[in-house]
Amino acid sequence: MRPWRRRAALVGPAALAVPYATREQPLEPALLGRALETAAGLTPLHSLIVARDGRILVARRFGGPPLDRRANIKSVSKAVIVALVGIAIDRGVFTGLDQTIAPLLADRLPRNPDPRLHAITIDHLLSMRAGLDRTSCVNYGRWVTSPDWVRHVLSRPFVADPGGPMLYSTGDSHLLAALLTQATGRSTLALAREWLGAPLGIKIPPWPRDPQGIYVGGNDMLLSPRDLLRFAELHRLGGVIGGTRVLREDWIRACWTPRTASRFTGAPHGYAWFLAEVNGYPRFYAWGFGGQMIHIVPRLGLSVVMTSDPTQRSGGAMGHAAICIGWSTAC
């Protein structure tokens, strides 16, 4: 494996304080029962899997497809794209986090581009601090009906300088997919299957593509809840699963190091992962529209996966049900 460039910048003090060893903490059956009652009352919820130290404690289907059938994981897809970027950096596909994106996407830049486009780096896209006007929420429909999604993102006006505040945008993640495709000459589907699917033993079916054939970066990927748990466990275990190193541990720490914060919830954000703390236990989570979620609490050896109706907006109860499962001091 190649040594990381800018290693010191990747690993911050907050990340270094998070051990992967499991802290002894008994699971309270009464708490688990109450959490499952809460989960059963959430109409959009389709599935729930809770694992402790790799052992599945709960695997419950409430609606939707069976646990081994694919589900739309919505913006949890961003964590998958970020994992591919980490592997690409390790393999020398990209030179590092501070590599600028304009040279690789030169043929997609607008005429007379804003000079700030040449300042955007891979780090800015990973942390959603590119400064370009967002393509998510009210702007999403206009973006996905455009004839060239990459060109549309790069043509958005700047509302902040690169490296400024977090501007949640699936367009940033899609640019990462375009960069992976351009730099490797392979689709992100092929990369995901080889770099993640094969070592994890999971199935990664095709998902939607843009008009140029680039698989959507950061939305609408399809994974079964059980396969999503394998992806969660990969991160909980520091990048090694089944004796095979898939991700560098310091890449996971980089993803879990706060770099900005959501303007909507105030939650700290690293690279596609949000950060929280419950009674002193660091928790890391990826969240997709409708209630698609991964929650990881390394100190408790805990991984929680939830899938839900992807057509309904998720509410606070979904996240509360997830964080209440597995440890008695959380609620």
Protein backbone atom coordinates (compact mmCIF):
# COMPACT_ATOMS: atom_id res chain seq x y z
CA MET A 1 0.00 0.00 0.00
CA ARG A 2 1.18 3.48 -0.83
CA PRO A 3 1.87 5.89 2.03
CA TRP A 4 -0.63 8.71 2.24
CA ARG A 5 0.33 12.12 1.03
CA ARG A 6 -0.42 14.90 3.50
CA ARG A 7 -0.83 12.22 6.15
CA ALA A 8 -0.79 14.72 9.00
CA ALA A 9 -3.67 16.61 7.43
CA LEU A 10 -5.71 13.44 7.08
CA VAL A 11 -5.64 12.41 10.70
CA GLY A 12 -6.78 14.93 13.29
CA PRO A 13 -6.73 14.68 17.10
CA ALA A 14 -10.47 14.00 17.27
CA ALA A 15 -10.13 11.02 14.95
CA LEU A 16 -7.12 9.63 16.75
CA ALA A 17 -9.12 9.56 19.97
CA VAL A 18 -11.59 7.04 18.52
CA PRO A 19 -10.42 3.47 19.17
CA TYR A 20 -11.74 0.47 17.28
CA ALA A 21 -11.60 -1.81 20.34
CA THR A 22 -14.96 -2.69 21.81
CA ARG A 23 -15.70 -1.22 25.21
CA GLU A 24 -17.47 -3.58 27.56
CA GLN A 25 -21.06 -2.45 27.80
CA PRO A 26 -23.89 -4.94 28.36
CA LEU A 27 -26.89 -4.85 26.08
CA GLU A 28 -30.10 -4.26 27.98
CA PRO A 29 -32.94 -6.46 26.67
CA ALA A 30 -35.56 -4.02 27.96
CA LEU A 31 -34.00 -1.15 26.01
CA LEU A 32 -33.74 -3.25 22.88
CA GLY A 33 -37.39 -4.26 23.25
CA ARG A 34 -38.49 -0.63 23.59
CA ALA A 35 -36.41 0.37 20.58
CA LEU A 36 -37.96 -2.38 18.48
CA GLU A 37 -41.43 -1.24 19.57
CA THR A 38 -40.53 2.26 18.44
CA ALA A 39 -39.18 0.92 15.16
CA ALA A 40 -42.33 -1.11 14.51
CA GLY A 41 -44.38 2.07 14.85
CA LEU A 42 -42.44 3.89 12.13
CA THR A 43 -44.55 3.34 9.03
CA PRO A 44 -41.81 4.16 6.47
CA LEU A 45 -39.32 1.73 8.04
CA HIS A 46 -38.59 -1.31 5.87
CA SER A 47 -35.74 -3.07 7.66
CA LEU A 48 -33.51 -2.94 10.71
CA ILE A 49 -30.29 -4.85 11.39
CA VAL A 50 -28.29 -4.47 14.59
CA ALA A 51 -24.90 -6.12 14.99
CA ARG A 52 -22.60 -6.12 18.03
CA ASP A 53 -18.98 -7.17 17.50
CA GLY A 54 -20.03 -8.64 14.17
CA ARG A 55 -22.81 -10.77 15.68
CA ILE A 56 -26.29 -9.95 14.41
CA LEU A 57 -28.65 -9.29 17.31
CA VAL A 58 -31.62 -8.05 15.30
CA ALA A 59 -32.51 -8.65 11.66
CA ARG A 60 -36.07 -7.48 11.26
CA ARG A 61 -38.15 -6.77 8.18
CA PHE A 62 -41.03 -4.36 8.77
CA GLY A 63 -41.99 -3.77 5.14
CA GLY A 64 -40.49 -3.57 1.70
CA PRO A 65 -38.23 -6.26 0.20
CA PRO A 66 -36.53 -9.07 2.16
CA LEU A 67 -33.22 -8.31 3.89
CA ASP A 68 -31.19 -9.97 1.14
CA ARG A 69 -32.90 -8.04 -1.67
CA ARG A 70 -31.61 -4.76 -3.00
CA ALA A 71 -32.94 -1.45 -1.72
CA ASN A 72 -32.36 2.13 -2.85
CA ILE A 73 -29.92 3.52 -0.29
CA LYS A 74 -30.26 7.10 -1.60
CA SER A 75 -27.52 9.39 -0.23
CA VAL A 76 -25.82 6.65 1.77
CA SER A 77 -24.39 6.09 -1.73
CA LYS A 78 -22.10 9.04 -1.04
CA ALA A 79 -20.22 7.00 1.56
CA VAL A 80 -19.64 4.33 -1.10
CA ILE A 81 -18.27 6.87 -3.59
CA VAL A 82 -16.02 8.30 -0.89
CA ALA A 83 -14.68 4.81 -0.14
CA LEU A 84 -13.83 4.41 -3.83
CA VAL A 85 -12.00 7.74 -3.81
CA GLY A 86 -9.97 6.60 -0.80
CA ILE A 87 -8.96 3.41 -2.61
CA ALA A 88 -8.16 5.41 -5.75
CA ILE A 89 -5.81 7.70 -3.82
CA ASP A 90 -4.13 4.70 -2.24
CA ARG A 91 -3.63 3.11 -5.68
CA GLY A 92 -2.15 6.28 -7.15
CA VAL A 93 -5.12 7.06 -9.39
CA PHE A 94 -5.25 10.49 -7.74
CA THR A 95 -2.24 12.28 -6.31
CA GLY A 96 -3.95 13.24 -3.07
CA LEU A 97 -6.64 15.28 -1.41
CA ASP A 98 -5.26 18.58 -2.67
CA GLN A 99 -5.35 17.54 -6.35
CA THR A 100 -7.36 20.07 -8.35
CA ILE A 101 -10.20 18.73 -10.47
CA ALA A 102 -10.22 21.14 -13.43
CA PRO A 103 -7.44 19.42 -15.44
CA LEU A 104 -9.29 16.08 -15.41
CA LEU A 105 -12.61 17.71 -16.35
CA ALA A 106 -11.22 20.31 -18.73
CA ASP A 107 -13.54 19.34 -21.59
CA ARG A 108 -16.60 19.83 -19.36
CA LEU A 109 -15.74 23.30 -18.07
CA PRO A 110 -18.00 26.16 -19.21
CA ARG A 111 -16.75 28.81 -21.60
CA ASN A 112 -14.95 31.59 -19.81
CA PRO A 113 -15.00 29.64 -16.53
CA ASP A 114 -14.90 31.34 -13.17
CA PRO A 115 -11.24 31.21 -12.06
CA ARG A 116 -12.35 29.60 -8.81
CA LEU A 117 -13.15 26.38 -10.71
CA HIS A 118 -9.40 25.84 -10.96
CA ALA A 119 -9.09 26.02 -7.17
CA ILE A 120 -11.55 23.21 -6.39
CA THR A 121 -9.82 20.12 -5.01
CA ILE A 122 -10.84 16.55 -4.30
CA ASP A 123 -10.95 17.49 -0.61
CA HIS A 124 -13.49 20.22 -1.37
CA LEU A 125 -15.78 17.75 -3.16
CA LEU A 126 -15.45 15.10 -0.45
CA SER A 127 -16.43 17.57 2.26
CA MET A 128 -18.95 19.44 0.05
CA ARG A 129 -17.11 22.72 0.28
CA ALA A 130 -16.65 23.36 -3.44
CA GLY A 131 -18.54 26.65 -3.19
CA LEU A 132 -20.78 25.96 -6.20
CA ASP A 133 -24.52 26.48 -5.90
CA ARG A 134 -26.15 23.22 -4.81
CA THR A 135 -27.87 20.72 -7.09
CA SER A 136 -29.81 19.07 -4.26
CA CYS A 137 -33.29 19.80 -2.89
CA VAL A 138 -35.15 22.36 -5.03
CA ASN A 139 -32.38 22.34 -7.66
CA TYR A 140 -32.27 18.56 -8.06
CA GLY A 141 -34.95 18.22 -10.76
CA ARG A 142 -33.38 20.85 -12.98
CA TRP A 143 -30.02 19.16 -12.63
CA VAL A 144 -31.11 15.60 -13.49
CA THR A 145 -33.11 16.78 -16.50
CA SER A 146 -30.12 18.66 -17.95
CA PRO A 147 -28.36 17.14 -20.99
CA ASP A 148 -24.95 16.99 -19.29
CA TRP A 149 -24.90 16.62 -15.51
CA VAL A 150 -21.18 17.23 -15.04
CA ARG A 151 -21.20 20.36 -17.19
CA HIS A 152 -24.31 21.57 -15.35
CA VAL A 153 -22.60 21.25 -11.95
CA LEU A 154 -19.49 23.03 -13.17
CA SER A 155 -21.64 25.81 -14.62
CA ARG A 156 -23.42 26.54 -11.35
CA PRO A 157 -22.60 29.99 -9.93
CA PHE A 158 -20.31 30.22 -6.95
CA VAL A 159 -22.11 31.12 -3.73
CA ALA A 160 -18.94 30.74 -1.63
CA ASP A 161 -15.25 30.33 -2.23
CA PRO A 162 -13.82 26.79 -2.43
CA GLY A 163 -13.02 25.59 1.07
CA GLY A 164 -15.81 27.67 2.59
CA PRO A 165 -18.98 26.39 4.31
CA MET A 166 -20.61 23.04 3.62
CA LEU A 167 -23.15 23.21 0.78
CA TYR A 168 -24.84 19.82 0.66
CA SER A 169 -24.94 18.88 -3.01
CA THR A 170 -25.17 15.56 -4.79
CA GLY A 171 -23.51 17.37 -7.68
CA ASP A 172 -20.24 17.44 -5.73
CA SER A 173 -20.42 13.68 -5.25
CA HIS A 174 -21.28 13.17 -8.92
CA LEU A 175 -18.14 15.09 -9.87
CA LEU A 176 -16.18 12.55 -7.82
CA ALA A 177 -17.78 9.75 -9.85
CA ALA A 178 -16.86 11.58 -13.06
CA LEU A 179 -13.27 12.00 -11.83
CA LEU A 180 -13.02 8.28 -11.02
CA THR A 181 -14.37 7.39 -14.46
CA GLN A 182 -12.08 9.83 -16.26
CA ALA A 183 -8.94 8.88 -14.33
CA THR A 184 -9.39 5.09 -14.55
CA GLY A 185 -11.21 4.71 -17.85
CA ARG A 186 -13.68 2.48 -16.02
CA SER A 187 -17.18 2.99 -14.69
CA THR A 188 -17.83 3.44 -10.99
CA LEU A 189 -19.96 0.29 -11.20
CA ALA A 190 -16.92 -1.71 -12.34
CA LEU A 191 -14.74 -0.10 -9.68
CA ALA A 192 -17.31 -0.68 -6.94
CA ARG A 193 -17.66 -4.33 -7.88
CA GLU A 194 -13.90 -4.95 -7.97
CA TRP A 195 -12.73 -2.73 -5.10
CA LEU A 196 -15.65 -3.26 -2.69
CA GLY A 197 -18.04 -5.92 -3.92
CA ALA A 198 -15.51 -8.71 -4.41
CA PRO A 199 -13.60 -8.37 -1.10
CA LEU A 200 -16.79 -7.80 0.90
CA GLY A 201 -18.66 -10.60 -0.81
CA ILE A 202 -21.58 -8.34 -1.67
CA LYS A 203 -23.64 -7.83 -4.81
CA ILE A 204 -23.61 -4.39 -6.40
CA PRO A 205 -26.19 -4.17 -9.21
CA PRO A 206 -26.23 -1.33 -11.76
CA TRP A 207 -27.88 1.92 -10.72
CA PRO A 208 -28.97 4.95 -12.81
CA ARG A 209 -26.54 6.82 -15.07
CA ASP A 210 -26.38 10.34 -16.41
CA PRO A 211 -26.78 11.09 -20.15
CA GLN A 212 -23.04 10.57 -20.69
CA GLY A 213 -23.17 7.13 -19.05
CA ILE A 214 -21.59 8.08 -15.71
CA TYR A 215 -23.24 6.25 -12.83
CA VAL A 216 -24.91 8.68 -10.46
CA GLY A 217 -22.38 9.70 -7.84
CA GLY A 218 -24.03 9.84 -4.44
CA ASN A 219 -27.60 8.74 -5.00
CA ASP A 220 -29.81 5.82 -6.00
CA MET A 221 -27.31 3.01 -5.49
CA LEU A 222 -28.88 -0.38 -4.77
CA LEU A 223 -27.68 -2.60 -1.93
CA SER A 224 -29.46 -5.12 0.23
CA PRO A 225 -29.63 -4.37 3.98
CA ARG A 226 -27.39 -7.37 4.68
CA ASP A 227 -24.80 -6.13 2.17
CA LEU A 228 -25.05 -2.64 3.61
CA LEU A 229 -24.20 -4.14 6.99
CA ARG A 230 -21.01 -5.61 5.47
CA PHE A 231 -20.08 -2.12 4.27
CA ALA A 232 -20.76 -0.74 7.77
CA GLU A 233 -18.69 -3.48 9.38
CA LEU A 234 -15.80 -2.70 7.05
CA HIS A 235 -15.65 0.78 8.55
CA ARG A 236 -16.19 -0.38 12.13
CA LEU A 237 -13.28 -2.80 11.77
CA GLY A 238 -10.90 -0.16 10.47
CA GLY A 239 -10.90 -1.19 6.83
CA VAL A 240 -10.15 -4.92 7.21
CA ILE A 241 -12.81 -7.58 6.79
CA GLY A 242 -12.34 -11.32 6.51
CA GLY A 243 -8.59 -10.83 6.82
CA THR A 244 -8.46 -8.59 3.73
CA ARG A 245 -7.57 -4.91 3.89
CA VAL A 246 -10.00 -3.01 1.71
CA LEU A 247 -9.66 0.54 3.06
CA ARG A 248 -6.80 2.17 4.88
CA GLU A 249 -7.61 2.80 8.51
CA ASP A 250 -6.39 6.37 8.26
CA TRP A 251 -8.79 6.95 5.37
CA ILE A 252 -11.70 5.96 7.59
CA ARG A 253 -10.36 8.24 10.29
CA ALA A 254 -10.15 11.01 7.70
CA CYS A 255 -13.79 10.44 6.75
CA TRP A 256 -14.73 10.61 10.42
CA THR A 257 -12.74 13.78 11.16
CA PRO A 258 -15.01 16.86 11.31
CA ARG A 259 -14.21 19.40 8.60
CA THR A 260 -17.43 21.39 8.40
CA ALA A 261 -21.04 21.18 9.61
CA SER A 262 -24.50 20.82 8.14
CA ARG A 263 -26.35 24.11 7.84
CA PHE A 264 -29.61 22.19 8.38
CA THR A 265 -28.82 20.14 11.51
CA GLY A 266 -25.54 21.58 12.76
CA ALA A 267 -24.05 18.07 12.75
CA PRO A 268 -20.29 17.93 12.12
CA HIS A 269 -19.40 16.43 8.74
CA GLY A 270 -16.26 14.73 7.48
CA TYR A 271 -16.24 12.96 4.12
CA ALA A 272 -19.83 11.71 3.52
CA TRP A 273 -20.13 10.79 7.21
CA PHE A 274 -21.74 12.85 9.95
CA LEU A 275 -20.51 12.78 13.52
CA ALA A 276 -22.34 12.82 16.83
CA GLU A 277 -21.80 11.86 20.45
CA VAL A 278 -24.17 10.06 22.79
CA ASN A 279 -23.14 10.10 26.47
CA GLY A 280 -19.48 10.13 25.57
CA TYR A 281 -19.69 7.52 22.81
CA PRO A 282 -18.64 8.83 19.37
CA ARG A 283 -21.15 7.85 16.70
CA PHE A 284 -20.64 8.07 12.94
CA TYR A 285 -23.50 7.91 10.49
CA ALA A 286 -24.41 8.13 6.83
CA TRP A 287 -27.93 9.27 6.07
CA GLY A 288 -30.05 9.04 2.94
CA PHE A 289 -33.43 10.49 2.01
CA GLY A 290 -36.40 8.63 3.42
CA GLY A 291 -34.52 7.03 6.30
CA GLN A 292 -31.70 5.01 4.75
CA MET A 293 -29.05 4.90 7.49
CA ILE A 294 -25.82 3.43 8.74
CA HIS A 295 -24.89 4.14 12.36
CA ILE A 296 -21.55 2.97 13.78
CA VAL A 297 -20.40 3.21 17.39
CA PRO A 298 -16.86 1.77 17.37
CA ARG A 299 -16.39 1.79 21.15
CA LEU A 300 -19.42 -0.44 21.54
CA GLY A 301 -18.69 -2.62 18.53
CA LEU A 302 -22.07 -1.54 17.20
CA SER A 303 -23.30 -1.32 13.60
CA VAL A 304 -26.91 -0.44 12.81
CA VAL A 305 -28.47 -0.47 9.34
CA MET A 306 -31.91 0.88 8.51
CA THR A 307 -33.71 1.03 5.17
CA SER A 308 -37.02 2.76 4.63
CA ASP A 309 -39.52 3.88 2.02
CA PRO A 310 -37.29 5.93 -0.33
CA THR A 311 -40.21 8.10 -1.45
CA GLN A 312 -41.04 9.58 1.96
CA ARG A 313 -39.02 12.18 3.81
CA SER A 314 -37.48 10.85 7.02
CA GLY A 315 -38.10 12.47 10.37
CA GLY A 316 -36.24 12.75 13.64
CA ALA A 317 -37.88 9.60 15.01
CA MET A 318 -35.94 7.48 12.52
CA GLY A 319 -32.58 8.65 13.78
CA HIS A 320 -33.72 8.46 17.39
CA ALA A 321 -34.79 4.84 16.98
CA ALA A 322 -31.36 4.00 15.54
CA ILE A 323 -29.28 5.61 18.25
CA CYS A 324 -31.41 4.10 21.02
CA ILE A 325 -30.60 0.56 19.92
CA GLY A 326 -27.69 -1.25 21.45
CA TRP A 327 -26.47 0.69 24.44
CA SER A 328 -28.19 1.50 27.70
CA THR A 329 -26.70 4.94 28.31
CA ALA A 330 -28.00 6.43 25.05
CA CYS A 331 -31.58 7.11 26.11
